[in-house]
Amino acid sequence: MPHPEAIPPPERVWTSLEWDLIQRGHRSRDMDDKWHALVERQRLYLYRSWTGMGVYEAEFAAAGDECRIIDAIVAGDHDSYRRRDDEYESALLEAVIEWVLLKVRNGPGHKRWQRLRPSSWG
């Protein structure tokens, strides 16, 4: 990952069922699918499907039937990824996990990300 920068982990608590789904990862199947996801041990890696560039990494820790992200980073190389502020990146990380790995639309991460999107994006 180019120039990784720490971001605050989403505060969300993931269920053990959600963690099971996250661990399966994801490989994009067409041009509209923008993400690849891979989990090794407790660490999730999210890559852009077209370029293969690593954008996010998130370390999960389990406690009972729940898990949380305890560490998160985003690519900080501004030539290849237009990083936004920490809160935006944390929300987008959560939203991508929902969309790509949990197949959830309009979940809490997506709603948080929508609130933080610049109004010029429509």
N, C-alpha and C. Protein backbone atom coordinates (compact mmCIF):
# COMPACT_ATOMS: atom_id res chain seq x y z
N MET A 1 0.85 -1.18 0.00
CA MET A 1 0.00 0.00 0.00
C MET A 1 0.90 1.24 0.00
N PRO A 2 0.64 2.17 -0.93
CA PRO A 2 1.47 3.37 -0.99
C PRO A 2 1.24 4.31 0.19
N HIS A 3 2.28 4.62 0.91
CA HIS A 3 2.25 5.60 2.00
C HIS A 3 1.04 5.44 2.92
N PRO A 4 0.92 4.33 3.63
CA PRO A 4 -0.26 4.13 4.49
C PRO A 4 -0.35 5.18 5.59
N GLU A 5 -1.60 5.60 5.84
CA GLU A 5 -1.87 6.58 6.89
C GLU A 5 -2.97 6.02 7.78
N ALA A 6 -2.78 6.15 9.08
CA ALA A 6 -3.77 5.65 10.04
C ALA A 6 -5.05 6.49 9.96
N ILE A 7 -6.18 5.81 10.10
CA ILE A 7 -7.48 6.47 10.21
C ILE A 7 -8.19 5.87 11.42
N PRO A 8 -9.14 6.61 11.99
CA PRO A 8 -9.87 6.04 13.12
C PRO A 8 -10.73 4.86 12.65
N PRO A 9 -10.65 3.74 13.35
CA PRO A 9 -11.50 2.61 12.95
C PRO A 9 -12.97 2.95 13.14
N PRO A 10 -13.83 2.43 12.27
CA PRO A 10 -15.27 2.60 12.52
C PRO A 10 -15.60 2.07 13.91
N GLU A 11 -16.54 2.70 14.59
CA GLU A 11 -16.91 2.30 15.95
C GLU A 11 -17.85 1.09 15.95
N ARG A 12 -18.26 0.67 14.81
CA ARG A 12 -19.23 -0.41 14.66
C ARG A 12 -18.75 -1.71 15.32
N VAL A 13 -19.69 -2.42 15.89
CA VAL A 13 -19.46 -3.77 16.40
C VAL A 13 -20.04 -4.73 15.38
N TRP A 14 -19.23 -5.67 14.91
CA TRP A 14 -19.64 -6.64 13.90
C TRP A 14 -20.01 -7.94 14.60
N THR A 15 -21.05 -8.60 14.15
CA THR A 15 -21.45 -9.87 14.74
C THR A 15 -20.53 -10.98 14.24
N SER A 16 -20.57 -12.11 14.90
CA SER A 16 -19.76 -13.25 14.45
C SER A 16 -20.21 -13.72 13.07
N LEU A 17 -21.50 -13.63 12.77
CA LEU A 17 -21.99 -13.98 11.43
C LEU A 17 -21.44 -13.03 10.38
N GLU A 18 -21.43 -11.72 10.69
CA GLU A 18 -20.86 -10.75 9.75
C GLU A 18 -19.37 -11.03 9.56
N TRP A 19 -18.65 -11.33 10.64
CA TRP A 19 -17.22 -11.63 10.53
C TRP A 19 -17.00 -12.86 9.65
N ASP A 20 -17.85 -13.87 9.78
CA ASP A 20 -17.75 -15.05 8.90
C ASP A 20 -17.87 -14.65 7.44
N LEU A 21 -18.81 -13.75 7.13
CA LEU A 21 -18.99 -13.29 5.74
C LEU A 21 -17.80 -12.45 5.29
N ILE A 22 -17.29 -11.60 6.15
CA ILE A 22 -16.14 -10.76 5.81
C ILE A 22 -14.94 -11.63 5.48
N GLN A 23 -14.72 -12.69 6.26
CA GLN A 23 -13.56 -13.56 6.06
C GLN A 23 -13.57 -14.29 4.72
N ARG A 24 -14.72 -14.42 4.10
CA ARG A 24 -14.80 -15.07 2.79
C ARG A 24 -14.13 -14.26 1.70
N GLY A 25 -14.00 -12.95 1.92
CA GLY A 25 -13.38 -12.09 0.92
C GLY A 25 -14.28 -11.90 -0.29
N HIS A 26 -13.72 -11.29 -1.32
CA HIS A 26 -14.50 -11.01 -2.53
C HIS A 26 -13.55 -10.75 -3.69
N ARG A 27 -13.91 -11.30 -4.83
CA ARG A 27 -13.16 -11.04 -6.07
C ARG A 27 -14.17 -10.46 -7.06
N SER A 28 -13.86 -9.28 -7.59
CA SER A 28 -14.79 -8.65 -8.52
C SER A 28 -14.96 -9.52 -9.76
N ARG A 29 -16.17 -9.46 -10.33
CA ARG A 29 -16.49 -10.29 -11.48
C ARG A 29 -16.71 -9.50 -12.76
N ASP A 30 -16.86 -8.17 -12.63
CA ASP A 30 -17.07 -7.37 -13.83
C ASP A 30 -16.58 -5.95 -13.60
N MET A 31 -16.67 -5.12 -14.62
CA MET A 31 -16.14 -3.76 -14.57
C MET A 31 -16.86 -2.87 -13.55
N ASP A 32 -18.12 -3.18 -13.25
CA ASP A 32 -18.88 -2.36 -12.31
C ASP A 32 -18.53 -2.67 -10.86
N ASP A 33 -17.90 -3.79 -10.63
CA ASP A 33 -17.51 -4.22 -9.29
C ASP A 33 -16.12 -3.66 -9.01
N LYS A 34 -16.02 -2.70 -8.14
CA LYS A 34 -14.79 -1.92 -7.99
C LYS A 34 -13.80 -2.43 -6.95
N TRP A 35 -14.14 -3.49 -6.20
CA TRP A 35 -13.30 -3.89 -5.09
C TRP A 35 -12.98 -5.38 -5.08
N HIS A 36 -11.75 -5.69 -4.67
CA HIS A 36 -11.33 -7.04 -4.26
C HIS A 36 -11.13 -6.97 -2.75
N ALA A 37 -11.45 -8.05 -2.05
CA ALA A 37 -11.25 -8.08 -0.60
C ALA A 37 -10.62 -9.42 -0.22
N LEU A 38 -9.66 -9.37 0.66
CA LEU A 38 -8.95 -10.56 1.11
C LEU A 38 -8.71 -10.43 2.60
N VAL A 39 -8.92 -11.52 3.33
CA VAL A 39 -8.63 -11.54 4.75
C VAL A 39 -7.53 -12.57 5.01
N GLU A 40 -6.49 -12.14 5.70
CA GLU A 40 -5.43 -13.03 6.16
C GLU A 40 -5.35 -12.86 7.67
N ARG A 41 -5.51 -13.97 8.36
CA ARG A 41 -5.61 -13.97 9.82
C ARG A 41 -6.76 -13.06 10.21
N GLN A 42 -6.51 -11.97 10.87
CA GLN A 42 -7.58 -11.06 11.30
C GLN A 42 -7.54 -9.74 10.53
N ARG A 43 -6.77 -9.68 9.45
CA ARG A 43 -6.57 -8.42 8.73
C ARG A 43 -7.26 -8.46 7.37
N LEU A 44 -8.11 -7.46 7.14
CA LEU A 44 -8.82 -7.29 5.88
C LEU A 44 -8.04 -6.34 4.99
N TYR A 45 -7.86 -6.74 3.72
CA TYR A 45 -7.21 -5.91 2.72
C TYR A 45 -8.23 -5.61 1.63
N LEU A 46 -8.40 -4.34 1.29
CA LEU A 46 -9.31 -3.93 0.23
C LEU A 46 -8.51 -3.28 -0.89
N TYR A 47 -8.67 -3.83 -2.09
CA TYR A 47 -7.94 -3.38 -3.27
C TYR A 47 -8.92 -2.89 -4.33
N ARG A 48 -8.52 -1.89 -5.09
CA ARG A 48 -9.31 -1.46 -6.25
C ARG A 48 -9.17 -2.54 -7.32
N SER A 49 -10.28 -2.97 -7.89
CA SER A 49 -10.25 -4.10 -8.82
C SER A 49 -9.56 -3.76 -10.13
N TRP A 50 -9.68 -2.56 -10.63
CA TRP A 50 -9.08 -2.22 -11.92
C TRP A 50 -7.57 -2.10 -11.85
N THR A 51 -7.09 -1.49 -10.77
CA THR A 51 -5.66 -1.20 -10.67
C THR A 51 -4.90 -2.18 -9.78
N GLY A 52 -5.62 -2.87 -8.90
CA GLY A 52 -4.97 -3.74 -7.94
C GLY A 52 -4.32 -2.99 -6.79
N MET A 53 -4.53 -1.67 -6.73
CA MET A 53 -3.91 -0.87 -5.69
C MET A 53 -4.61 -1.09 -4.34
N GLY A 54 -3.83 -1.33 -3.31
CA GLY A 54 -4.37 -1.44 -1.96
C GLY A 54 -4.83 -0.08 -1.47
N VAL A 55 -6.07 0.01 -1.01
CA VAL A 55 -6.60 1.28 -0.52
C VAL A 55 -6.79 1.24 1.00
N TYR A 56 -7.36 0.14 1.52
CA TYR A 56 -7.63 0.04 2.96
C TYR A 56 -7.07 -1.25 3.52
N GLU A 57 -6.69 -1.18 4.80
CA GLU A 57 -6.41 -2.36 5.60
C GLU A 57 -7.09 -2.14 6.95
N ALA A 58 -7.65 -3.23 7.49
CA ALA A 58 -8.34 -3.13 8.78
C ALA A 58 -8.06 -4.39 9.59
N GLU A 59 -7.62 -4.20 10.81
CA GLU A 59 -7.33 -5.30 11.73
C GLU A 59 -8.53 -5.50 12.64
N PHE A 60 -9.08 -6.72 12.64
CA PHE A 60 -10.23 -7.06 13.47
C PHE A 60 -9.77 -7.79 14.72
N ALA A 61 -10.50 -7.60 15.81
CA ALA A 61 -10.27 -8.35 17.05
C ALA A 61 -11.61 -8.86 17.54
N ALA A 62 -11.65 -10.14 17.86
CA ALA A 62 -12.90 -10.77 18.30
C ALA A 62 -12.94 -10.83 19.82
N ALA A 63 -14.16 -10.69 20.34
CA ALA A 63 -14.41 -10.86 21.77
C ALA A 63 -15.79 -11.49 21.89
N GLY A 64 -15.82 -12.76 22.20
CA GLY A 64 -17.10 -13.47 22.27
C GLY A 64 -17.73 -13.57 20.90
N ASP A 65 -18.98 -13.16 20.78
CA ASP A 65 -19.69 -13.21 19.51
C ASP A 65 -19.62 -11.91 18.73
N GLU A 66 -18.70 -11.05 19.10
CA GLU A 66 -18.58 -9.75 18.44
C GLU A 66 -17.13 -9.52 18.03
N CYS A 67 -16.97 -8.63 17.07
CA CYS A 67 -15.61 -8.18 16.75
C CYS A 67 -15.66 -6.72 16.33
N ARG A 68 -14.53 -6.10 16.46
CA ARG A 68 -14.37 -4.68 16.13
C ARG A 68 -13.12 -4.51 15.29
N ILE A 69 -13.08 -3.42 14.56
CA ILE A 69 -11.85 -3.03 13.89
C ILE A 69 -11.03 -2.24 14.91
N ILE A 70 -9.81 -2.71 15.15
CA ILE A 70 -8.98 -2.06 16.17
C ILE A 70 -7.88 -1.19 15.55
N ASP A 71 -7.65 -1.36 14.25
CA ASP A 71 -6.61 -0.60 13.57
C ASP A 71 -7.03 -0.50 12.10
N ALA A 72 -6.91 0.69 11.53
CA ALA A 72 -7.27 0.87 10.13
C ALA A 72 -6.30 1.85 9.48
N ILE A 73 -5.98 1.57 8.21
CA ILE A 73 -5.13 2.48 7.44
C ILE A 73 -5.71 2.65 6.05
N VAL A 74 -5.34 3.76 5.44
CA VAL A 74 -5.76 4.09 4.08
C VAL A 74 -4.51 4.50 3.30
N ALA A 75 -4.55 4.26 1.99
CA ALA A 75 -3.45 4.69 1.13
C ALA A 75 -3.32 6.20 1.20
N GLY A 76 -2.12 6.67 1.39
CA GLY A 76 -1.90 8.10 1.51
C GLY A 76 -1.14 8.70 0.35
N ASP A 77 -0.88 7.92 -0.69
CA ASP A 77 -0.19 8.41 -1.88
C ASP A 77 -1.18 9.21 -2.72
N HIS A 78 -1.14 10.51 -2.60
CA HIS A 78 -2.14 11.37 -3.24
C HIS A 78 -2.07 11.35 -4.76
N ASP A 79 -1.00 10.82 -5.34
CA ASP A 79 -0.93 10.70 -6.79
C ASP A 79 -1.81 9.57 -7.32
N SER A 80 -2.05 8.55 -6.49
CA SER A 80 -2.86 7.42 -6.96
C SER A 80 -4.18 7.25 -6.22
N TYR A 81 -4.37 7.93 -5.10
CA TYR A 81 -5.63 7.86 -4.37
C TYR A 81 -5.91 9.22 -3.73
N ARG A 82 -7.06 9.78 -4.05
CA ARG A 82 -7.42 11.10 -3.49
C ARG A 82 -8.02 10.92 -2.11
N ARG A 83 -7.18 10.83 -1.14
CA ARG A 83 -7.60 10.62 0.25
C ARG A 83 -8.36 11.83 0.75
N ARG A 84 -9.43 11.58 1.46
CA ARG A 84 -10.22 12.63 2.09
C ARG A 84 -9.84 12.69 3.59
N ASP A 85 -10.62 13.40 4.38
CA ASP A 85 -10.30 13.51 5.80
C ASP A 85 -10.56 12.16 6.51
N ASP A 86 -10.06 12.04 7.73
CA ASP A 86 -10.12 10.78 8.47
C ASP A 86 -11.54 10.26 8.65
N GLU A 87 -12.46 11.13 9.02
CA GLU A 87 -13.84 10.69 9.27
C GLU A 87 -14.48 10.13 7.99
N TYR A 88 -14.25 10.80 6.87
CA TYR A 88 -14.76 10.33 5.59
C TYR A 88 -14.20 8.95 5.25
N GLU A 89 -12.89 8.80 5.38
CA GLU A 89 -12.25 7.52 5.04
C GLU A 89 -12.72 6.40 5.95
N SER A 90 -12.91 6.67 7.23
CA SER A 90 -13.43 5.66 8.16
C SER A 90 -14.83 5.23 7.75
N ALA A 91 -15.67 6.20 7.37
CA ALA A 91 -17.04 5.89 6.94
C ALA A 91 -17.04 5.10 5.63
N LEU A 92 -16.17 5.48 4.70
CA LEU A 92 -16.12 4.75 3.43
C LEU A 92 -15.62 3.33 3.64
N LEU A 93 -14.64 3.13 4.50
CA LEU A 93 -14.18 1.78 4.83
C LEU A 93 -15.35 0.93 5.32
N GLU A 94 -16.13 1.45 6.25
CA GLU A 94 -17.28 0.71 6.78
C GLU A 94 -18.30 0.43 5.67
N ALA A 95 -18.57 1.43 4.84
CA ALA A 95 -19.54 1.27 3.76
C ALA A 95 -19.08 0.22 2.74
N VAL A 96 -17.81 0.22 2.39
CA VAL A 96 -17.30 -0.77 1.43
C VAL A 96 -17.44 -2.18 2.00
N ILE A 97 -17.17 -2.35 3.28
CA ILE A 97 -17.35 -3.66 3.90
C ILE A 97 -18.81 -4.09 3.78
N GLU A 98 -19.73 -3.16 4.04
CA GLU A 98 -21.16 -3.48 3.91
C GLU A 98 -21.50 -3.88 2.49
N TRP A 99 -21.14 -3.03 1.52
CA TRP A 99 -21.53 -3.25 0.12
C TRP A 99 -20.92 -4.52 -0.45
N VAL A 100 -19.62 -4.66 -0.28
CA VAL A 100 -18.87 -5.71 -0.98
C VAL A 100 -18.96 -7.05 -0.27
N LEU A 101 -18.82 -7.06 1.04
CA LEU A 101 -18.71 -8.32 1.76
C LEU A 101 -20.01 -8.77 2.42
N LEU A 102 -20.85 -7.82 2.82
CA LEU A 102 -22.09 -8.19 3.49
C LEU A 102 -23.30 -8.07 2.57
N LYS A 103 -23.10 -7.47 1.39
CA LYS A 103 -24.18 -7.28 0.40
C LYS A 103 -25.32 -6.47 0.99
N VAL A 104 -24.99 -5.48 1.81
CA VAL A 104 -25.98 -4.62 2.46
C VAL A 104 -25.93 -3.25 1.79
N ARG A 105 -27.06 -2.77 1.37
CA ARG A 105 -27.17 -1.42 0.82
C ARG A 105 -27.88 -0.55 1.86
N ASN A 106 -27.44 0.67 1.96
CA ASN A 106 -28.06 1.64 2.85
C ASN A 106 -27.94 1.26 4.33
N GLY A 107 -26.85 0.60 4.69
CA GLY A 107 -26.59 0.26 6.09
C GLY A 107 -26.02 1.46 6.84
N PRO A 108 -25.67 1.28 8.10
CA PRO A 108 -25.17 2.40 8.90
C PRO A 108 -23.89 3.03 8.35
N GLY A 109 -22.99 2.23 7.82
CA GLY A 109 -21.77 2.78 7.23
C GLY A 109 -22.07 3.62 6.01
N HIS A 110 -22.98 3.13 5.16
CA HIS A 110 -23.38 3.88 3.97
C HIS A 110 -24.03 5.20 4.37
N LYS A 111 -24.89 5.17 5.36
CA LYS A 111 -25.57 6.40 5.80
C LYS A 111 -24.57 7.41 6.34
N ARG A 112 -23.60 6.93 7.11
CA ARG A 112 -22.56 7.83 7.65
C ARG A 112 -21.74 8.42 6.51
N TRP A 113 -21.37 7.58 5.54
CA TRP A 113 -20.60 8.04 4.38
C TRP A 113 -21.40 9.07 3.58
N GLN A 114 -22.69 8.83 3.39
CA GLN A 114 -23.54 9.76 2.64
C GLN A 114 -23.56 11.15 3.30
N ARG A 115 -23.63 11.18 4.62
CA ARG A 115 -23.64 12.46 5.34
C ARG A 115 -22.34 13.24 5.14
N LEU A 116 -21.24 12.52 4.92
CA LEU A 116 -19.93 13.15 4.83
C LEU A 116 -19.52 13.48 3.40
N ARG A 117 -20.25 12.97 2.43
CA ARG A 117 -19.90 13.23 1.03
C ARG A 117 -20.06 14.72 0.73
N PRO A 118 -19.16 15.25 -0.09
CA PRO A 118 -19.33 16.66 -0.49
C PRO A 118 -20.64 16.86 -1.22
N SER A 119 -21.32 17.97 -0.95
CA SER A 119 -22.63 18.22 -1.56
C SER A 119 -22.53 18.35 -3.07
N SER A 120 -21.37 18.66 -3.61
CA SER A 120 -21.20 18.78 -5.05
C SER A 120 -21.31 17.44 -5.77
N TRP A 121 -21.30 16.31 -5.01
CA TRP A 121 -21.40 14.99 -5.62
C TRP A 121 -22.83 14.60 -5.90
N GLY A 122 -23.78 15.41 -5.47
CA GLY A 122 -25.17 15.12 -5.78
C GLY A 122 -25.81 14.28 -4.83
